[in-house]
Amino acid sequence: MKIIDKFSIKTITLLTVDEDLPENVRVGYKAEIDGEVFTITGIPIIETKPPSINKRTFMIDRTDEVDVNQTVKFYKA
């Protein structure tokens, strides 16, 4: 799974990946991005258009080490 979009403001980063997030991913789980581990601090619950964007978006609290095209793996903390 790869990051296809990144939006950062202050200390929050919103990331969108190229596939739906695994069903079991929750806030507090870990995202390993190119070998660096981040805590997932948010997953949007608002309906969007297209609806699939919700299933592909999550937030982390560190912004400077992440960029588009990096590989992401998820796991329970």
PDB file of N, CA and C in Angstrom:
ATOM      1  N   MET A   1       0.861  -1.167   0.000  1.00  0.00           N
ATOM      2  CA  MET A   1       0.000   0.000   0.000  1.00  0.00           C
ATOM      3  C   MET A   1       0.907   1.230   0.000  1.00  0.00           C
ATOM      4  N   LYS A   2       0.594   2.210  -0.839  1.00  0.00           N
ATOM      5  CA  LYS A   2       1.433   3.409  -0.950  1.00  0.00           C
ATOM      6  C   LYS A   2       0.632   4.669  -0.670  1.00  0.00           C
ATOM      7  N   ILE A   3       1.317   5.680  -0.138  1.00  0.00           N
ATOM      8  CA  ILE A   3       0.705   6.989   0.105  1.00  0.00           C
ATOM      9  C   ILE A   3       0.554   7.705  -1.238  1.00  0.00           C
ATOM     10  N   ILE A   4      -0.673   8.201  -1.509  1.00  0.00           N
ATOM     11  CA  ILE A   4      -0.903   8.912  -2.766  1.00  0.00           C
ATOM     12  C   ILE A   4      -1.182  10.403  -2.551  1.00  0.00           C
ATOM     13  N   ASP A   5      -1.460  10.803  -1.295  1.00  0.00           N
ATOM     14  CA  ASP A   5      -1.713  12.215  -1.017  1.00  0.00           C
ATOM     15  C   ASP A   5      -1.374  12.509   0.434  1.00  0.00           C
ATOM     16  N   LYS A   6      -0.881  13.716   0.679  1.00  0.00           N
ATOM     17  CA  LYS A   6      -0.502  14.150   2.029  1.00  0.00           C
ATOM     18  C   LYS A   6      -0.944  15.591   2.214  1.00  0.00           C
ATOM     19  N   PHE A   7      -1.585  15.858   3.356  1.00  0.00           N
ATOM     20  CA  PHE A   7      -1.949  17.227   3.717  1.00  0.00           C
ATOM     21  C   PHE A   7      -1.526  17.430   5.160  1.00  0.00           C
ATOM     22  N   SER A   8      -0.685  18.420   5.417  1.00  0.00           N
ATOM     23  CA  SER A   8      -0.190  18.687   6.769  1.00  0.00           C
ATOM     24  C   SER A   8      -0.545  20.095   7.199  1.00  0.00           C
ATOM     25  N   ILE A   9      -0.879  20.213   8.482  1.00  0.00           N
ATOM     26  CA  ILE A   9      -1.103  21.512   9.092  1.00  0.00           C
ATOM     27  C   ILE A   9      -0.629  21.421  10.542  1.00  0.00           C
ATOM     28  N   LYS A  10       0.250  22.312  10.922  1.00  0.00           N
ATOM     29  CA  LYS A  10       0.868  22.310  12.258  1.00  0.00           C
ATOM     30  C   LYS A  10       1.444  20.940  12.572  1.00  0.00           C
ATOM     31  N   THR A  11       0.856  20.213  13.527  1.00  0.00           N
ATOM     32  CA  THR A  11       1.419  18.925  13.942  1.00  0.00           C
ATOM     33  C   THR A  11       0.567  17.734  13.505  1.00  0.00           C
ATOM     34  N   ILE A  12      -0.340  17.931  12.573  1.00  0.00           N
ATOM     35  CA  ILE A  12      -1.214  16.849  12.112  1.00  0.00           C
ATOM     36  C   ILE A  12      -0.982  16.616  10.622  1.00  0.00           C
ATOM     37  N   THR A  13      -0.931  15.348  10.236  1.00  0.00           N
ATOM     38  CA  THR A  13      -0.818  14.992   8.827  1.00  0.00           C
ATOM     39  C   THR A  13      -1.958  14.059   8.464  1.00  0.00           C
ATOM     40  N   LEU A  14      -2.648  14.380   7.383  1.00  0.00           N
ATOM     41  CA  LEU A  14      -3.717  13.545   6.829  1.00  0.00           C
ATOM     42  C   LEU A  14      -3.132  12.847   5.611  1.00  0.00           C
ATOM     43  N   LEU A  15      -3.185  11.518   5.607  1.00  0.00           N
ATOM     44  CA  LEU A  15      -2.604  10.732   4.524  1.00  0.00           C
ATOM     45  C   LEU A  15      -3.689   9.925   3.818  1.00  0.00           C
ATOM     46  N   THR A  16      -3.573   9.805   2.501  1.00  0.00           N
ATOM     47  CA  THR A  16      -4.470   8.959   1.718  1.00  0.00           C
ATOM     48  C   THR A  16      -3.612   7.921   1.013  1.00  0.00           C
ATOM     49  N   VAL A  17      -4.060   6.667   1.072  1.00  0.00           N
ATOM     50  CA  VAL A  17      -3.324   5.575   0.444  1.00  0.00           C
ATOM     51  C   VAL A  17      -4.078   5.072  -0.783  1.00  0.00           C
ATOM     52  N   ASP A  18      -3.414   4.234  -1.580  1.00  0.00           N
ATOM     53  CA  ASP A  18      -3.968   3.779  -2.851  1.00  0.00           C
ATOM     54  C   ASP A  18      -4.910   2.589  -2.746  1.00  0.00           C
ATOM     55  N   GLU A  19      -5.153   2.084  -1.533  1.00  0.00           N
ATOM     56  CA  GLU A  19      -6.089   0.971  -1.313  1.00  0.00           C
ATOM     57  C   GLU A  19      -6.907   1.286  -0.061  1.00  0.00           C
ATOM     58  N   ASP A  20      -8.040   0.591   0.102  1.00  0.00           N
ATOM     59  CA  ASP A  20      -8.819   0.745   1.334  1.00  0.00           C
ATOM     60  C   ASP A  20      -7.985   0.288   2.522  1.00  0.00           C
ATOM     61  N   LEU A  21      -8.128   0.980   3.646  1.00  0.00           N
ATOM     62  CA  LEU A  21      -7.457   0.560   4.875  1.00  0.00           C
ATOM     63  C   LEU A  21      -7.996  -0.804   5.291  1.00  0.00           C
ATOM     64  N   PRO A  22      -7.181  -1.638   5.922  1.00  0.00           N
ATOM     65  CA  PRO A  22      -7.696  -2.902   6.440  1.00  0.00           C
ATOM     66  C   PRO A  22      -8.861  -2.645   7.401  1.00  0.00           C
ATOM     67  N   GLU A  23      -9.852  -3.516   7.420  1.00  0.00           N
ATOM     68  CA  GLU A  23     -11.063  -3.344   8.231  1.00  0.00           C
ATOM     69  C   GLU A  23     -10.773  -3.149   9.712  1.00  0.00           C
ATOM     70  N   ASN A  24      -9.731  -3.774  10.220  1.00  0.00           N
ATOM     71  CA  ASN A  24      -9.475  -3.751  11.664  1.00  0.00           C
ATOM     72  C   ASN A  24      -8.636  -2.562  12.128  1.00  0.00           C
ATOM     73  N   VAL A  25      -8.193  -1.675  11.246  1.00  0.00           N
ATOM     74  CA  VAL A  25      -7.345  -0.543  11.641  1.00  0.00           C
ATOM     75  C   VAL A  25      -8.170   0.465  12.437  1.00  0.00           C
ATOM     76  N   ARG A  26      -7.647   0.864  13.603  1.00  0.00           N
ATOM     77  CA  ARG A  26      -8.328   1.801  14.495  1.00  0.00           C
ATOM     78  C   ARG A  26      -7.354   2.869  14.985  1.00  0.00           C
ATOM     79  N   VAL A  27      -7.895   3.922  15.591  1.00  0.00           N
ATOM     80  CA  VAL A  27      -7.071   4.941  16.233  1.00  0.00           C
ATOM     81  C   VAL A  27      -6.224   4.249  17.299  1.00  0.00           C
ATOM     82  N   GLY A  28      -4.961   4.595  17.368  1.00  0.00           N
ATOM     83  CA  GLY A  28      -4.045   3.972  18.320  1.00  0.00           C
ATOM     84  C   GLY A  28      -3.202   2.877  17.696  1.00  0.00           C
ATOM     85  N   TYR A  29      -3.630   2.336  16.565  1.00  0.00           N
ATOM     86  CA  TYR A  29      -2.825   1.344  15.867  1.00  0.00           C
ATOM     87  C   TYR A  29      -1.588   2.031  15.300  1.00  0.00           C
ATOM     88  N   LYS A  30      -0.664   1.239  14.818  1.00  0.00           N
ATOM     89  CA  LYS A  30       0.585   1.758  14.270  1.00  0.00           C
ATOM     90  C   LYS A  30       0.577   1.674  12.744  1.00  0.00           C
ATOM     91  N   ALA A  31       1.216   2.655  12.130  1.00  0.00           N
ATOM     92  CA  ALA A  31       1.454   2.653  10.693  1.00  0.00           C
ATOM     93  C   ALA A  31       2.963   2.701  10.499  1.00  0.00           C
ATOM     94  N   GLU A  32       3.499   1.695   9.860  1.00  0.00           N
ATOM     95  CA  GLU A  32       4.920   1.690   9.553  1.00  0.00           C
ATOM     96  C   GLU A  32       5.073   2.237   8.138  1.00  0.00           C
ATOM     97  N   ILE A  33       5.765   3.361   8.021  1.00  0.00           N
ATOM     98  CA  ILE A  33       5.925   4.039   6.745  1.00  0.00           C
ATOM     99  C   ILE A  33       7.411   4.077   6.422  1.00  0.00           C
ATOM    100  N   ASP A  34       7.778   3.280   5.424  1.00  0.00           N
ATOM    101  CA  ASP A  34       9.184   3.147   5.028  1.00  0.00           C
ATOM    102  C   ASP A  34      10.100   2.912   6.223  1.00  0.00           C
ATOM    103  N   GLY A  35       9.704   2.004   7.114  1.00  0.00           N
ATOM    104  CA  GLY A  35      10.523   1.616   8.254  1.00  0.00           C
ATOM    105  C   GLY A  35      10.370   2.474   9.492  1.00  0.00           C
ATOM    106  N   GLU A  36       9.710   3.608   9.392  1.00  0.00           N
ATOM    107  CA  GLU A  36       9.474   4.504  10.527  1.00  0.00           C
ATOM    108  C   GLU A  36       8.071   4.245  11.081  1.00  0.00           C
ATOM    109  N   VAL A  37       7.920   4.160  12.405  1.00  0.00           N
ATOM    110  CA  VAL A  37       6.634   3.830  13.017  1.00  0.00           C
ATOM    111  C   VAL A  37       5.926   5.090  13.517  1.00  0.00           C
ATOM    112  N   PHE A  38       4.628   5.198  13.184  1.00  0.00           N
ATOM    113  CA  PHE A  38       3.781   6.322  13.575  1.00  0.00           C
ATOM    114  C   PHE A  38       2.513   5.785  14.229  1.00  0.00           C
ATOM    115  N   THR A  39       1.940   6.539  15.158  1.00  0.00           N
ATOM    116  CA  THR A  39       0.661   6.180  15.769  1.00  0.00           C
ATOM    117  C   THR A  39      -0.458   6.834  14.975  1.00  0.00           C
ATOM    118  N   ILE A  40      -1.500   6.053  14.668  1.00  0.00           N
ATOM    119  CA  ILE A  40      -2.667   6.596  13.977  1.00  0.00           C
ATOM    120  C   ILE A  40      -3.487   7.374  14.998  1.00  0.00           C
ATOM    121  N   THR A  41      -3.670   8.661  14.742  1.00  0.00           N
ATOM    122  CA  THR A  41      -4.381   9.530  15.687  1.00  0.00           C
ATOM    123  C   THR A  41      -5.809   9.834  15.253  1.00  0.00           C
ATOM    124  N   GLY A  42      -6.181   9.445  14.037  1.00  0.00           N
ATOM    125  CA  GLY A  42      -7.536   9.700  13.586  1.00  0.00           C
ATOM    126  C   GLY A  42      -7.843   8.988  12.292  1.00  0.00           C
ATOM    127  N   ILE A  43      -9.117   8.641  12.152  1.00  0.00           N
ATOM    128  CA  ILE A  43      -9.653   8.075  10.914  1.00  0.00           C
ATOM    129  C   ILE A  43     -10.970   8.789  10.674  1.00  0.00           C
ATOM    130  N   PRO A  44     -11.133   9.477   9.535  1.00  0.00           N
ATOM    131  CA  PRO A  44     -12.361  10.229   9.289  1.00  0.00           C
ATOM    132  C   PRO A  44     -13.602   9.337   9.311  1.00  0.00           C
ATOM    133  N   ILE A  45     -14.699   9.875   9.856  1.00  0.00           N
ATOM    134  CA  ILE A  45     -15.958   9.126   9.877  1.00  0.00           C
ATOM    135  C   ILE A  45     -17.049   9.855   9.102  1.00  0.00           C
ATOM    136  N   ILE A  46     -16.736  11.002   8.531  1.00  0.00           N
ATOM    137  CA  ILE A  46     -17.704  11.784   7.766  1.00  0.00           C
ATOM    138  C   ILE A  46     -17.809  11.223   6.355  1.00  0.00           C
ATOM    139  N   GLU A  47     -19.021  11.135   5.828  1.00  0.00           N
ATOM    140  CA  GLU A  47     -19.216  10.665   4.460  1.00  0.00           C
ATOM    141  C   GLU A  47     -18.641  11.663   3.471  1.00  0.00           C
ATOM    142  N   THR A  48     -17.941  11.172   2.496  1.00  0.00           N
ATOM    143  CA  THR A  48     -17.348  12.019   1.466  1.00  0.00           C
ATOM    144  C   THR A  48     -17.767  11.529   0.093  1.00  0.00           C
ATOM    145  N   LYS A  49     -17.478  12.345  -0.904  1.00  0.00           N
ATOM    146  CA  LYS A  49     -17.705  11.926  -2.287  1.00  0.00           C
ATOM    147  C   LYS A  49     -16.383  12.032  -3.014  1.00  0.00           C
ATOM    148  N   PRO A  50     -15.845  11.000  -3.586  1.00  0.00           N
ATOM    149  CA  PRO A  50     -16.408   9.648  -3.574  1.00  0.00           C
ATOM    150  C   PRO A  50     -16.291   9.011  -2.195  1.00  0.00           C
ATOM    151  N   PRO A  51     -17.220   8.102  -1.853  1.00  0.00           N
ATOM    152  CA  PRO A  51     -17.214   7.508  -0.515  1.00  0.00           C
ATOM    153  C   PRO A  51     -15.962   6.699  -0.206  1.00  0.00           C
ATOM    154  N   SER A  52     -15.283   6.192  -1.204  1.00  0.00           N
ATOM    155  CA  SER A  52     -14.101   5.354  -0.964  1.00  0.00           C
ATOM    156  C   SER A  52     -12.953   6.129  -0.322  1.00  0.00           C
ATOM    157  N   ILE A  53     -12.939   7.470  -0.436  1.00  0.00           N
ATOM    158  CA  ILE A  53     -11.840   8.252   0.139  1.00  0.00           C
ATOM    159  C   ILE A  53     -11.775   8.076   1.654  1.00  0.00           C
ATOM    160  N   ASN A  54     -12.934   7.892   2.321  1.00  0.00           N
ATOM    161  CA  ASN A  54     -12.956   7.653   3.768  1.00  0.00           C
ATOM    162  C   ASN A  54     -12.222   6.386   4.140  1.00  0.00           C
ATOM    163  N   LYS A  55     -12.312   5.373   3.329  1.00  0.00           N
ATOM    164  CA  LYS A  55     -11.700   4.083   3.625  1.00  0.00           C
ATOM    165  C   LYS A  55     -10.208   4.075   3.326  1.00  0.00           C
ATOM    166  N   ARG A  56      -9.695   5.186   2.821  1.00  0.00           N
ATOM    167  CA  ARG A  56      -8.293   5.248   2.435  1.00  0.00           C
ATOM    168  C   ARG A  56      -7.517   6.357   3.146  1.00  0.00           C
ATOM    169  N   THR A  57      -8.127   6.992   4.136  1.00  0.00           N
ATOM    170  CA  THR A  57      -7.522   8.162   4.766  1.00  0.00           C
ATOM    171  C   THR A  57      -7.326   7.940   6.265  1.00  0.00           C
ATOM    172  N   PHE A  58      -6.193   8.414   6.794  1.00  0.00           N
ATOM    173  CA  PHE A  58      -5.923   8.343   8.225  1.00  0.00           C
ATOM    174  C   PHE A  58      -5.001   9.489   8.612  1.00  0.00           C
ATOM    175  N   MET A  59      -4.915   9.766   9.924  1.00  0.00           N
ATOM    176  CA  MET A  59      -4.086  10.858  10.422  1.00  0.00           C
ATOM    177  C   MET A  59      -2.979  10.333  11.322  1.00  0.00           C
ATOM    178  N   ILE A  60      -1.850  11.024  11.265  1.00  0.00           N
ATOM    179  CA  ILE A  60      -0.748  10.770  12.195  1.00  0.00           C
ATOM    180  C   ILE A  60      -0.326  12.111  12.784  1.00  0.00           C
ATOM    181  N   ASP A  61       0.463  12.073  13.857  1.00  0.00           N
ATOM    182  CA  ASP A  61       0.790  13.318  14.557  1.00  0.00           C
ATOM    183  C   ASP A  61       2.168  13.878  14.231  1.00  0.00           C
ATOM    184  N   ARG A  62       2.932  13.229  13.406  1.00  0.00           N
ATOM    185  CA  ARG A  62       4.244  13.750  13.019  1.00  0.00           C
ATOM    186  C   ARG A  62       4.227  13.988  11.518  1.00  0.00           C
ATOM    187  N   THR A  63       4.705  15.114  11.093  1.00  0.00           N
ATOM    188  CA  THR A  63       4.500  15.498   9.703  1.00  0.00           C
ATOM    189  C   THR A  63       5.743  15.485   8.820  1.00  0.00           C
ATOM    190  N   ASP A  64       6.896  15.654   9.393  1.00  0.00           N
ATOM    191  CA  ASP A  64       8.069  15.921   8.564  1.00  0.00           C
ATOM    192  C   ASP A  64       8.707  14.705   7.909  1.00  0.00           C
ATOM    193  N   GLU A  65       8.450  13.504   8.399  1.00  0.00           N
ATOM    194  CA  GLU A  65       9.151  12.331   7.876  1.00  0.00           C
ATOM    195  C   GLU A  65       8.366  11.551   6.839  1.00  0.00           C
ATOM    196  N   VAL A  66       7.195  12.018   6.426  1.00  0.00           N
ATOM    197  CA  VAL A  66       6.323  11.256   5.537  1.00  0.00           C
ATOM    198  C   VAL A  66       6.131  12.003   4.230  1.00  0.00           C
ATOM    199  N   ASP A  67       6.087  11.231   3.124  1.00  0.00           N
ATOM    200  CA  ASP A  67       5.867  11.854   1.832  1.00  0.00           C
ATOM    201  C   ASP A  67       5.108  10.892   0.911  1.00  0.00           C
ATOM    202  N   VAL A  68       4.632  11.417  -0.192  1.00  0.00           N
ATOM    203  CA  VAL A  68       3.902  10.630  -1.188  1.00  0.00           C
ATOM    204  C   VAL A  68       4.815   9.544  -1.749  1.00  0.00           C
ATOM    205  N   ASN A  69       4.219   8.415  -2.118  1.00  0.00           N
ATOM    206  CA  ASN A  69       4.876   7.243  -2.703  1.00  0.00           C
ATOM    207  C   ASN A  69       5.612   6.364  -1.703  1.00  0.00           C
ATOM    208  N   GLN A  70       5.544   6.682  -0.408  1.00  0.00           N
ATOM    209  CA  GLN A  70       6.156   5.787   0.581  1.00  0.00           C
ATOM    210  C   GLN A  70       5.211   4.613   0.860  1.00  0.00           C
ATOM    211  N   THR A  71       5.773   3.499   1.257  1.00  0.00           N
ATOM    212  CA  THR A  71       5.014   2.280   1.543  1.00  0.00           C
ATOM    213  C   THR A  71       4.520   2.275   2.984  1.00  0.00           C
ATOM    214  N   VAL A  72       3.267   1.800   3.179  1.00  0.00           N
ATOM    215  CA  VAL A  72       2.647   1.780   4.502  1.00  0.00           C
ATOM    216  C   VAL A  72       2.222   0.362   4.858  1.00  0.00           C
ATOM    217  N   LYS A  73       2.470  -0.035   6.120  1.00  0.00           N
ATOM    218  CA  LYS A  73       1.961  -1.287   6.693  1.00  0.00           C
ATOM    219  C   LYS A  73       1.300  -0.922   8.013  1.00  0.00           C
ATOM    220  N   PHE A  74       0.196  -1.598   8.346  1.00  0.00           N
ATOM    221  CA  PHE A  74      -0.529  -1.318   9.579  1.00  0.00           C
ATOM    222  C   PHE A  74      -0.438  -2.511  10.522  1.00  0.00           C
ATOM    223  N   TYR A  75      -0.411  -2.220  11.824  1.00  0.00           N
ATOM    224  CA  TYR A  75      -0.465  -3.285  12.817  1.00  0.00           C
ATOM    225  C   TYR A  75      -0.965  -2.738  14.147  1.00  0.00           C
ATOM    226  N   LYS A  76      -1.450  -3.653  14.987  1.00  0.00           N
ATOM    227  CA  LYS A  76      -1.987  -3.279  16.297  1.00  0.00           C
ATOM    228  C   LYS A  76      -0.848  -2.889  17.228  1.00  0.00           C
ATOM    229  N   ALA A  77      -1.086  -1.859  18.023  1.00  0.00           N
ATOM    230  CA  ALA A  77      -0.068  -1.356  18.946  1.00  0.00           C
ATOM    231  C   ALA A  77       0.207  -2.337  20.060  1.00  0.00           C
TER     232      ALA A  77
END
